[in-house]
PDB file of N, CA and C in Angstrom:
ATOM      1  N   UNK A   1      19.017  -2.153  48.270  1.00  0.00           N
ATOM      2  CA  UNK A   1      19.079  -3.009  49.417  1.00  0.00           C
ATOM      3  C   UNK A   1      19.060  -2.168  50.678  1.00  0.00           C
ATOM      4  N   UNK A   2      18.781  -2.814  51.795  1.00  0.00           N
ATOM      5  CA  UNK A   2      18.780  -2.154  53.091  1.00  0.00           C
ATOM      6  C   UNK A   2      19.650  -2.945  54.055  1.00  0.00           C
ATOM      7  N   UNK A   3      20.389  -2.239  54.874  1.00  0.00           N
ATOM      8  CA  UNK A   3      21.087  -2.849  55.994  1.00  0.00           C
ATOM      9  C   UNK A   3      20.487  -2.225  57.237  1.00  0.00           C
ATOM     10  N   UNK A   4      19.924  -3.052  58.088  1.00  0.00           N
ATOM     11  CA  UNK A   4      19.249  -2.556  59.277  1.00  0.00           C
ATOM     12  C   UNK A   4      20.106  -2.824  60.503  1.00  0.00           C
ATOM     13  N   UNK A   5      20.199  -1.826  61.372  1.00  0.00           N
ATOM     14  CA  UNK A   5      20.983  -1.973  62.594  1.00  0.00           C
ATOM     15  C   UNK A   5      20.046  -1.940  63.785  1.00  0.00           C
ATOM     16  N   UNK A   6      20.421  -2.656  64.824  1.00  0.00           N
ATOM     17  CA  UNK A   6      19.630  -2.658  66.048  1.00  0.00           C
ATOM     18  C   UNK A   6      19.212  -4.063  66.417  1.00  0.00           C
ATOM     19  N   UNK A   7      18.349  -4.162  67.411  1.00  0.00           N
ATOM     20  CA  UNK A   7      17.841  -5.460  67.849  1.00  0.00           C
ATOM     21  C   UNK A   7      17.071  -6.095  66.707  1.00  0.00           C
ATOM     22  N   UNK A   8      17.529  -7.239  66.254  1.00  0.00           N
ATOM     23  CA  UNK A   8      17.007  -7.835  65.024  1.00  0.00           C
ATOM     24  C   UNK A   8      15.526  -8.188  65.132  1.00  0.00           C
ATOM     25  N   UNK A   9      15.087  -8.732  66.243  1.00  0.00           N
ATOM     26  CA  UNK A   9      13.680  -9.130  66.359  1.00  0.00           C
ATOM     27  C   UNK A   9      12.780  -7.897  66.349  1.00  0.00           C
ATOM     28  N   UNK A  10      13.164  -6.845  67.071  1.00  0.00           N
ATOM     29  CA  UNK A  10      12.369  -5.611  67.079  1.00  0.00           C
ATOM     30  C   UNK A  10      12.352  -4.965  65.696  1.00  0.00           C
ATOM     31  N   UNK A  11      13.484  -4.984  65.017  1.00  0.00           N
ATOM     32  CA  UNK A  11      13.546  -4.398  63.670  1.00  0.00           C
ATOM     33  C   UNK A  11      12.664  -5.168  62.696  1.00  0.00           C
ATOM     34  N   UNK A  12      12.658  -6.489  62.798  1.00  0.00           N
ATOM     35  CA  UNK A  12      11.822  -7.296  61.905  1.00  0.00           C
ATOM     36  C   UNK A  12      10.351  -6.989  62.114  1.00  0.00           C
ATOM     37  N   UNK A  13       9.938  -6.825  63.359  1.00  0.00           N
ATOM     38  CA  UNK A  13       8.535  -6.520  63.645  1.00  0.00           C
ATOM     39  C   UNK A  13       8.116  -5.213  62.989  1.00  0.00           C
ATOM     40  N   UNK A  14       9.019  -4.243  62.921  1.00  0.00           N
ATOM     41  CA  UNK A  14       8.709  -2.955  62.292  1.00  0.00           C
ATOM     42  C   UNK A  14       8.603  -3.064  60.772  1.00  0.00           C
ATOM     43  N   UNK A  15       9.087  -4.161  60.208  1.00  0.00           N
ATOM     44  CA  UNK A  15       9.017  -4.365  58.758  1.00  0.00           C
ATOM     45  C   UNK A  15       7.730  -5.066  58.330  1.00  0.00           C
ATOM     46  N   UNK A  16       6.875  -5.365  59.282  1.00  0.00           N
ATOM     47  CA  UNK A  16       5.618  -6.053  58.971  1.00  0.00           C
ATOM     48  C   UNK A  16       4.874  -5.316  57.862  1.00  0.00           C
ATOM     49  N   UNK A  17       4.371  -6.056  56.896  1.00  0.00           N
ATOM     50  CA  UNK A  17       3.666  -5.467  55.762  1.00  0.00           C
ATOM     51  C   UNK A  17       4.560  -5.252  54.549  1.00  0.00           C
ATOM     52  N   UNK A  18       5.864  -5.382  54.725  1.00  0.00           N
ATOM     53  CA  UNK A  18       6.800  -5.260  53.613  1.00  0.00           C
ATOM     54  C   UNK A  18       7.267  -6.650  53.202  1.00  0.00           C
ATOM     55  N   UNK A  19       7.721  -6.761  51.962  1.00  0.00           N
ATOM     56  CA  UNK A  19       8.288  -8.020  51.491  1.00  0.00           C
ATOM     57  C   UNK A  19       9.601  -7.737  50.774  1.00  0.00           C
ATOM     58  N   UNK A  20      10.499  -8.713  50.848  1.00  0.00           N
ATOM     59  CA  UNK A  20      11.841  -8.548  50.306  1.00  0.00           C
ATOM     60  C   UNK A  20      12.179  -9.706  49.379  1.00  0.00           C
ATOM     61  N   UNK A  21      12.897  -9.391  48.308  1.00  0.00           N
ATOM     62  CA  UNK A  21      13.317 -10.419  47.351  1.00  0.00           C
ATOM     63  C   UNK A  21      14.463 -11.265  47.893  1.00  0.00           C
ATOM     64  N   UNK A  22      15.341 -10.655  48.660  1.00  0.00           N
ATOM     65  CA  UNK A  22      16.492 -11.361  49.219  1.00  0.00           C
ATOM     66  C   UNK A  22      16.646 -10.980  50.686  1.00  0.00           C
ATOM     67  N   UNK A  23      16.808 -11.986  51.516  1.00  0.00           N
ATOM     68  CA  UNK A  23      17.115 -11.773  52.930  1.00  0.00           C
ATOM     69  C   UNK A  23      18.321 -12.648  53.245  1.00  0.00           C
ATOM     70  N   UNK A  24      19.348 -12.048  53.854  1.00  0.00           N
ATOM     71  CA  UNK A  24      20.550 -12.786  54.241  1.00  0.00           C
ATOM     72  C   UNK A  24      20.678 -12.689  55.749  1.00  0.00           C
ATOM     73  N   UNK A  25      20.707 -13.828  56.414  1.00  0.00           N
ATOM     74  CA  UNK A  25      20.775 -13.872  57.874  1.00  0.00           C
ATOM     75  C   UNK A  25      22.050 -14.591  58.290  1.00  0.00           C
ATOM     76  N   UNK A  26      22.943 -13.879  58.979  1.00  0.00           N
ATOM     77  CA  UNK A  26      24.253 -14.410  59.365  1.00  0.00           C
ATOM     78  C   UNK A  26      24.539 -14.073  60.830  1.00  0.00           C
ATOM     79  N   UNK A  27      23.888 -14.776  61.761  1.00  0.00           N
ATOM     80  CA  UNK A  27      24.141 -14.502  63.181  1.00  0.00           C
ATOM     81  C   UNK A  27      25.410 -15.207  63.652  1.00  0.00           C
ATOM     82  N   UNK A  28      25.908 -14.845  64.827  1.00  0.00           N
ATOM     83  CA  UNK A  28      26.980 -15.661  65.411  1.00  0.00           C
ATOM     84  C   UNK A  28      26.487 -17.107  65.520  1.00  0.00           C
ATOM     85  N   UNK A  29      27.314 -18.050  65.140  1.00  0.00           N
ATOM     86  CA  UNK A  29      26.875 -19.443  65.018  1.00  0.00           C
ATOM     87  C   UNK A  29      26.270 -20.034  66.285  1.00  0.00           C
ATOM     88  N   UNK A  30      26.772 -19.686  67.437  1.00  0.00           N
ATOM     89  CA  UNK A  30      26.261 -20.272  68.676  1.00  0.00           C
ATOM     90  C   UNK A  30      25.215 -19.402  69.359  1.00  0.00           C
ATOM     91  N   UNK A  31      24.672 -18.434  68.641  1.00  0.00           N
ATOM     92  CA  UNK A  31      23.682 -17.542  69.249  1.00  0.00           C
ATOM     93  C   UNK A  31      22.324 -18.225  69.342  1.00  0.00           C
ATOM     94  N   UNK A  32      21.449 -17.614  70.104  1.00  0.00           N
ATOM     95  CA  UNK A  32      20.085 -18.124  70.234  1.00  0.00           C
ATOM     96  C   UNK A  32      19.124 -17.348  69.330  1.00  0.00           C
ATOM     97  N   UNK A  33      19.641 -16.744  68.270  1.00  0.00           N
ATOM     98  CA  UNK A  33      18.820 -15.915  67.383  1.00  0.00           C
ATOM     99  C   UNK A  33      18.109 -16.696  66.281  1.00  0.00           C
ATOM    100  N   UNK A  34      18.547 -17.900  65.995  1.00  0.00           N
ATOM    101  CA  UNK A  34      17.981 -18.627  64.860  1.00  0.00           C
ATOM    102  C   UNK A  34      16.470 -18.812  64.982  1.00  0.00           C
ATOM    103  N   UNK A  35      15.993 -19.297  66.110  1.00  0.00           N
ATOM    104  CA  UNK A  35      14.557 -19.570  66.264  1.00  0.00           C
ATOM    105  C   UNK A  35      13.729 -18.292  66.176  1.00  0.00           C
ATOM    106  N   UNK A  36      14.005 -17.243  66.983  1.00  0.00           N
ATOM    107  CA  UNK A  36      13.135 -16.068  66.909  1.00  0.00           C
ATOM    108  C   UNK A  36      13.195 -15.335  65.570  1.00  0.00           C
ATOM    109  N   UNK A  37      14.375 -15.259  64.973  1.00  0.00           N
ATOM    110  CA  UNK A  37      14.499 -14.512  63.716  1.00  0.00           C
ATOM    111  C   UNK A  37      13.857 -15.262  62.554  1.00  0.00           C
ATOM    112  N   UNK A  38      14.157 -16.542  62.413  1.00  0.00           N
ATOM    113  CA  UNK A  38      13.563 -17.300  61.310  1.00  0.00           C
ATOM    114  C   UNK A  38      12.052 -17.416  61.477  1.00  0.00           C
ATOM    115  N   UNK A  39      11.589 -17.563  62.699  1.00  0.00           N
ATOM    116  CA  UNK A  39      10.144 -17.609  62.947  1.00  0.00           C
ATOM    117  C   UNK A  39       9.487 -16.283  62.588  1.00  0.00           C
ATOM    118  N   UNK A  40      10.138 -15.172  62.942  1.00  0.00           N
ATOM    119  CA  UNK A  40       9.586 -13.851  62.627  1.00  0.00           C
ATOM    120  C   UNK A  40       9.554 -13.611  61.121  1.00  0.00           C
ATOM    121  N   UNK A  41      10.604 -13.971  60.418  1.00  0.00           N
ATOM    122  CA  UNK A  41      10.630 -13.791  58.962  1.00  0.00           C
ATOM    123  C   UNK A  41       9.469 -14.542  58.319  1.00  0.00           C
ATOM    124  N   UNK A  42       9.238 -15.773  58.771  1.00  0.00           N
ATOM    125  CA  UNK A  42       8.154 -16.581  58.202  1.00  0.00           C
ATOM    126  C   UNK A  42       6.786 -16.054  58.621  1.00  0.00           C
ATOM    127  N   UNK A  43       6.586 -15.786  59.904  1.00  0.00           N
ATOM    128  CA  UNK A  43       5.255 -15.394  60.383  1.00  0.00           C
ATOM    129  C   UNK A  43       4.855 -13.996  59.926  1.00  0.00           C
ATOM    130  N   UNK A  44       5.819 -13.110  59.740  1.00  0.00           N
ATOM    131  CA  UNK A  44       5.526 -11.758  59.260  1.00  0.00           C
ATOM    132  C   UNK A  44       5.448 -11.691  57.740  1.00  0.00           C
ATOM    133  N   UNK A  45       5.669 -12.829  57.081  1.00  0.00           N
ATOM    134  CA  UNK A  45       5.566 -12.905  55.623  1.00  0.00           C
ATOM    135  C   UNK A  45       6.500 -11.893  54.942  1.00  0.00           C
ATOM    136  N   UNK A  46       7.730 -11.815  55.431  1.00  0.00           N
ATOM    137  CA  UNK A  46       8.681 -10.831  54.912  1.00  0.00           C
ATOM    138  C   UNK A  46       9.319 -11.234  53.593  1.00  0.00           C
ATOM    139  N   UNK A  47       9.264 -12.503  53.260  1.00  0.00           N
ATOM    140  CA  UNK A  47       9.884 -12.978  52.027  1.00  0.00           C
ATOM    141  C   UNK A  47       8.879 -12.904  50.883  1.00  0.00           C
ATOM    142  N   UNK A  48       9.253 -12.207  49.808  1.00  0.00           N
ATOM    143  CA  UNK A  48       8.390 -12.082  48.633  1.00  0.00           C
ATOM    144  C   UNK A  48       8.143 -13.465  48.022  1.00  0.00           C
ATOM    145  N   UNK A  49       7.047 -13.628  47.260  1.00  0.00           N
ATOM    146  CA  UNK A  49       6.717 -14.941  46.691  1.00  0.00           C
ATOM    147  C   UNK A  49       7.854 -15.600  45.908  1.00  0.00           C
ATOM    148  N   UNK A  50       8.619 -14.847  45.162  1.00  0.00           N
ATOM    149  CA  UNK A  50       9.749 -15.412  44.418  1.00  0.00           C
ATOM    150  C   UNK A  50      11.083 -15.114  45.096  1.00  0.00           C
ATOM    151  N   UNK A  51      11.026 -14.675  46.352  1.00  0.00           N
ATOM    152  CA  UNK A  51      12.230 -14.283  47.069  1.00  0.00           C
ATOM    153  C   UNK A  51      12.988 -15.460  47.637  1.00  0.00           C
ATOM    154  N   UNK A  52      14.145 -15.148  48.199  1.00  0.00           N
ATOM    155  CA  UNK A  52      14.992 -16.196  48.761  1.00  0.00           C
ATOM    156  C   UNK A  52      15.611 -15.711  50.069  1.00  0.00           C
ATOM    157  N   UNK A  53      15.567 -16.577  51.058  1.00  0.00           N
ATOM    158  CA  UNK A  53      16.193 -16.344  52.353  1.00  0.00           C
ATOM    159  C   UNK A  53      17.429 -17.230  52.440  1.00  0.00           C
ATOM    160  N   UNK A  54      18.584 -16.624  52.675  1.00  0.00           N
ATOM    161  CA  UNK A  54      19.831 -17.372  52.858  1.00  0.00           C
ATOM    162  C   UNK A  54      20.224 -17.278  54.325  1.00  0.00           C
ATOM    163  N   UNK A  55      20.456 -18.437  54.932  1.00  0.00           N
ATOM    164  CA  UNK A  55      20.821 -18.494  56.348  1.00  0.00           C
ATOM    165  C   UNK A  55      22.208 -19.116  56.466  1.00  0.00           C
ATOM    166  N   UNK A  56      23.137 -18.363  57.040  1.00  0.00           N
ATOM    167  CA  UNK A  56      24.485 -18.880  57.254  1.00  0.00           C
ATOM    168  C   UNK A  56      24.545 -19.546  58.625  1.00  0.00           C
ATOM    169  N   UNK A  57      25.210 -20.702  58.678  1.00  0.00           N
ATOM    170  CA  UNK A  57      25.296 -21.439  59.942  1.00  0.00           C
ATOM    171  C   UNK A  57      26.473 -22.400  59.900  1.00  0.00           C
ATOM    172  N   UNK A  58      26.725 -23.009  61.037  1.00  0.00           N
ATOM    173  CA  UNK A  58      27.794 -24.001  61.148  1.00  0.00           C
ATOM    174  C   UNK A  58      27.338 -25.292  60.464  1.00  0.00           C
ATOM    175  N   UNK A  59      28.192 -25.918  59.650  1.00  0.00           N
ATOM    176  CA  UNK A  59      27.811 -27.193  59.028  1.00  0.00           C
ATOM    177  C   UNK A  59      27.418 -28.219  60.093  1.00  0.00           C
ATOM    178  N   UNK A  60      26.367 -28.956  59.822  1.00  0.00           N
ATOM    179  CA  UNK A  60      25.901 -29.976  60.750  1.00  0.00           C
ATOM    180  C   UNK A  60      24.946 -29.477  61.805  1.00  0.00           C
ATOM    181  N   UNK A  61      24.784 -28.155  61.920  1.00  0.00           N
ATOM    182  CA  UNK A  61      23.836 -27.639  62.907  1.00  0.00           C
ATOM    183  C   UNK A  61      22.415 -27.814  62.386  1.00  0.00           C
ATOM    184  N   UNK A  62      21.476 -27.903  63.297  1.00  0.00           N
ATOM    185  CA  UNK A  62      20.075 -28.090  62.938  1.00  0.00           C
ATOM    186  C   UNK A  62      19.358 -26.753  63.021  1.00  0.00           C
ATOM    187  N   UNK A  63      18.764 -26.336  61.922  1.00  0.00           N
ATOM    188  CA  UNK A  63      17.993 -25.098  61.914  1.00  0.00           C
ATOM    189  C   UNK A  63      16.557 -25.410  62.310  1.00  0.00           C
ATOM    190  N   UNK A  64      15.865 -24.435  62.917  1.00  0.00           N
ATOM    191  CA  UNK A  64      14.483 -24.687  63.319  1.00  0.00           C
ATOM    192  C   UNK A  64      13.576 -24.852  62.103  1.00  0.00           C
ATOM    193  N   UNK A  65      12.519 -25.621  62.270  1.00  0.00           N
ATOM    194  CA  UNK A  65      11.531 -25.756  61.200  1.00  0.00           C
ATOM    195  C   UNK A  65      10.686 -24.496  61.166  1.00  0.00           C
ATOM    196  N   UNK A  66      10.510 -23.958  59.968  1.00  0.00           N
ATOM    197  CA  UNK A  66       9.698 -22.755  59.793  1.00  0.00           C
ATOM    198  C   UNK A  66       8.776 -22.970  58.605  1.00  0.00           C
ATOM    199  N   UNK A  67       7.858 -22.034  58.417  1.00  0.00           N
ATOM    200  CA  UNK A  67       6.867 -22.155  57.347  1.00  0.00           C
ATOM    201  C   UNK A  67       7.419 -21.683  56.007  1.00  0.00           C
ATOM    202  N   UNK A  68       8.641 -22.070  55.699  1.00  0.00           N
ATOM    203  CA  UNK A  68       9.267 -21.818  54.407  1.00  0.00           C
ATOM    204  C   UNK A  68       9.896 -23.124  53.957  1.00  0.00           C
ATOM    205  N   UNK A  69      10.171 -23.241  52.674  1.00  0.00           N
ATOM    206  CA  UNK A  69      10.692 -24.484  52.115  1.00  0.00           C
ATOM    207  C   UNK A  69      12.183 -24.367  51.826  1.00  0.00           C
ATOM    208  N   UNK A  70      12.954 -25.347  52.288  1.00  0.00           N
ATOM    209  CA  UNK A  70      14.381 -25.393  51.955  1.00  0.00           C
ATOM    210  C   UNK A  70      14.503 -25.812  50.492  1.00  0.00           C
ATOM    211  N   UNK A  71      15.204 -24.989  49.700  1.00  0.00           N
ATOM    212  CA  UNK A  71      15.357 -25.295  48.278  1.00  0.00           C
ATOM    213  C   UNK A  71      16.763 -25.775  47.929  1.00  0.00           C
ATOM    214  N   UNK A  72      17.752 -25.423  48.754  1.00  0.00           N
ATOM    215  CA  UNK A  72      19.093 -25.962  48.536  1.00  0.00           C
ATOM    216  C   UNK A  72      19.970 -25.650  49.747  1.00  0.00           C
ATOM    217  N   UNK A  73      21.044 -26.419  49.830  1.00  0.00           N
ATOM    218  CA  UNK A  73      22.023 -26.231  50.892  1.00  0.00           C
ATOM    219  C   UNK A  73      23.416 -26.315  50.281  1.00  0.00           C
ATOM    220  N   UNK A  74      24.296 -25.449  50.734  1.00  0.00           N
ATOM    221  CA  UNK A  74      25.674 -25.416  50.237  1.00  0.00           C
ATOM    222  C   UNK A  74      26.628 -25.400  51.423  1.00  0.00           C
ATOM    223  N   UNK A  75      27.774 -26.018  51.237  1.00  0.00           N
ATOM    224  CA  UNK A  75      28.803 -26.003  52.273  1.00  0.00           C
ATOM    225  C   UNK A  75      30.072 -25.421  51.685  1.00  0.00           C
ATOM    226  N   UNK A  76      30.677 -24.509  52.445  1.00  0.00           N
ATOM    227  CA  UNK A  76      31.920 -23.864  52.049  1.00  0.00           C
ATOM    228  C   UNK A  76      32.889 -23.970  53.221  1.00  0.00           C
ATOM    229  N   UNK A  77      33.637 -25.055  53.314  1.00  0.00           N
ATOM    230  CA  UNK A  77      34.564 -25.242  54.432  1.00  0.00           C
ATOM    231  C   UNK A  77      33.825 -25.305  55.756  1.00  0.00           C
ATOM    232  N   UNK A  78      34.094 -24.338  56.638  1.00  0.00           N
ATOM    233  CA  UNK A  78      33.465 -24.292  57.958  1.00  0.00           C
ATOM    234  C   UNK A  78      32.169 -23.493  57.975  1.00  0.00           C
ATOM    235  N   UNK A  79      31.629 -23.211  56.810  1.00  0.00           N
ATOM    236  CA  UNK A  79      30.407 -22.429  56.695  1.00  0.00           C
ATOM    237  C   UNK A  79      29.396 -23.188  55.848  1.00  0.00           C
ATOM    238  N   UNK A  80      28.148 -23.113  56.251  1.00  0.00           N
ATOM    239  CA  UNK A  80      27.064 -23.697  55.461  1.00  0.00           C
ATOM    240  C   UNK A  80      26.015 -22.626  55.212  1.00  0.00           C
ATOM    241  N   UNK A  81      25.365 -22.716  54.071  1.00  0.00           N
ATOM    242  CA  UNK A  81      24.252 -21.831  53.735  1.00  0.00           C
ATOM    243  C   UNK A  81      23.045 -22.692  53.407  1.00  0.00           C
ATOM    244  N   UNK A  82      21.923 -22.336  53.996  1.00  0.00           N
ATOM    245  CA  UNK A  82      20.655 -22.985  53.679  1.00  0.00           C
ATOM    246  C   UNK A  82      19.761 -21.925  53.056  1.00  0.00           C
ATOM    247  N   UNK A  83      19.162 -22.266  51.916  1.00  0.00           N
ATOM    248  CA  UNK A  83      18.330 -21.327  51.169  1.00  0.00           C
ATOM    249  C   UNK A  83      16.875 -21.754  51.254  1.00  0.00           C
ATOM    250  N   UNK A  84      16.017 -20.791  51.557  1.00  0.00           N
ATOM    251  CA  UNK A  84      14.583 -21.032  51.687  1.00  0.00           C
ATOM    252  C   UNK A  84      13.819 -20.191  50.670  1.00  0.00           C
ATOM    253  N   UNK A  85      12.652 -20.684  50.293  1.00  0.00           N
ATOM    254  CA  UNK A  85      11.700 -19.910  49.502  1.00  0.00           C
ATOM    255  C   UNK A  85      10.311 -20.123  50.080  1.00  0.00           C
ATOM    256  N   UNK A  86       9.435 -19.182  49.802  1.00  0.00           N
ATOM    257  CA  UNK A  86       8.037 -19.291  50.227  1.00  0.00           C
ATOM    258  C   UNK A  86       7.271 -19.962  49.102  1.00  0.00           C
ATOM    259  N   UNK A  87       7.230 -21.282  49.104  1.00  0.00           N
ATOM    260  CA  UNK A  87       6.557 -22.033  48.036  1.00  0.00           C
ATOM    261  C   UNK A  87       5.144 -22.389  48.424  1.00  0.00           C
TER     262      UNK A  87
END
Protein backbone atom coordinates (compact mmCIF):
# COMPACT_ATOMS: atom_id res chain seq x y z
CA UNK A 1 0.00 0.00 0.00
CA UNK A 2 0.97 3.64 -0.32
CA UNK A 3 0.24 6.61 1.90
CA UNK A 4 0.71 9.85 0.02
CA UNK A 5 1.30 13.18 1.72
CA UNK A 6 0.77 16.62 0.27
CA UNK A 7 -1.89 18.46 -1.68
CA UNK A 8 -4.30 15.69 -2.58
CA UNK A 9 -5.40 16.99 -5.99
CA UNK A 10 -1.80 17.59 -7.14
CA UNK A 11 -0.74 14.18 -5.84
CA UNK A 12 -3.60 12.46 -7.68
CA UNK A 13 -2.62 14.11 -10.95
CA UNK A 14 0.90 12.67 -10.58
CA UNK A 15 -0.62 9.18 -10.28
CA UNK A 16 -2.14 9.37 -13.76
CA UNK A 17 -1.55 6.11 -15.62
CA UNK A 18 -1.55 4.02 -12.45
CA UNK A 19 -4.43 2.00 -11.06
CA UNK A 20 -5.16 0.90 -7.51
CA UNK A 21 -7.18 -1.98 -6.07
CA UNK A 22 -8.22 -0.03 -2.98
CA UNK A 23 -8.56 3.70 -2.45
CA UNK A 24 -9.70 5.10 0.91
CA UNK A 25 -10.70 8.77 1.02
CA UNK A 26 -11.36 10.34 4.44
CA UNK A 27 -11.35 14.15 4.26
CA UNK A 28 -12.58 16.47 7.00
CA UNK A 29 -16.36 16.17 6.72
CA UNK A 30 -17.06 19.84 6.00
CA UNK A 31 -14.20 20.29 3.55
CA UNK A 32 -14.58 21.22 -0.09
CA UNK A 33 -12.39 18.29 -1.20
CA UNK A 34 -15.13 15.82 -2.12
CA UNK A 35 -15.87 17.18 -5.61
CA UNK A 36 -12.28 17.71 -6.88
CA UNK A 37 -10.88 14.50 -5.38
CA UNK A 38 -13.69 12.15 -6.41
CA UNK A 39 -13.79 13.73 -9.87
CA UNK A 40 -10.02 13.31 -10.24
CA UNK A 41 -10.11 9.66 -9.13
CA UNK A 42 -12.79 8.93 -11.72
CA UNK A 43 -11.41 11.02 -14.60
CA UNK A 44 -7.82 9.81 -14.13
CA UNK A 45 -9.07 6.20 -14.08
CA UNK A 46 -7.17 5.50 -10.86
CA UNK A 47 -9.44 2.69 -9.71
CA UNK A 48 -8.57 -0.75 -11.10
CA UNK A 49 -11.40 -2.65 -12.87
CA UNK A 50 -12.07 -4.85 -9.83
CA UNK A 51 -10.99 -2.18 -7.34
CA UNK A 52 -12.99 -0.39 -4.71
CA UNK A 53 -13.10 3.23 -3.58
CA UNK A 54 -14.28 3.83 0.00
CA UNK A 55 -15.36 7.36 0.87
CA UNK A 56 -15.89 8.35 4.50
CA UNK A 57 -18.42 11.12 5.13
CA UNK A 58 -21.06 12.44 7.48
CA UNK A 59 -24.30 10.40 7.38
CA UNK A 60 -26.95 12.16 5.31
CA UNK A 61 -24.46 14.22 3.33
CA UNK A 62 -24.73 14.19 -0.45
CA UNK A 63 -21.67 13.05 -2.37
CA UNK A 64 -21.05 14.37 -5.88
CA UNK A 65 -22.04 12.23 -8.84
CA UNK A 66 -18.99 10.71 -10.50
CA UNK A 67 -18.32 8.19 -13.26
CA UNK A 68 -18.18 5.29 -10.79
CA UNK A 69 -20.97 3.10 -9.46
CA UNK A 70 -22.06 3.03 -5.81
CA UNK A 71 -22.11 -0.63 -4.77
CA UNK A 72 -22.94 -0.28 -1.08
CA UNK A 73 -23.29 2.14 1.80
CA UNK A 74 -22.67 1.53 5.49
CA UNK A 75 -23.35 3.64 8.55
CA UNK A 76 -21.37 3.42 11.77
CA UNK A 77 -22.80 5.89 14.30
CA UNK A 78 -21.71 9.36 13.19
CA UNK A 79 -19.73 8.00 10.25
CA UNK A 80 -20.87 6.73 6.87
CA UNK A 81 -18.92 4.90 4.18
CA UNK A 82 -19.91 4.81 0.54
CA UNK A 83 -18.21 2.21 -1.66
CA UNK A 84 -17.72 2.65 -5.40
CA UNK A 85 -16.52 0.39 -8.19
CA UNK A 86 -15.71 1.02 -11.83
CA UNK A 87 -18.44 -1.12 -13.40
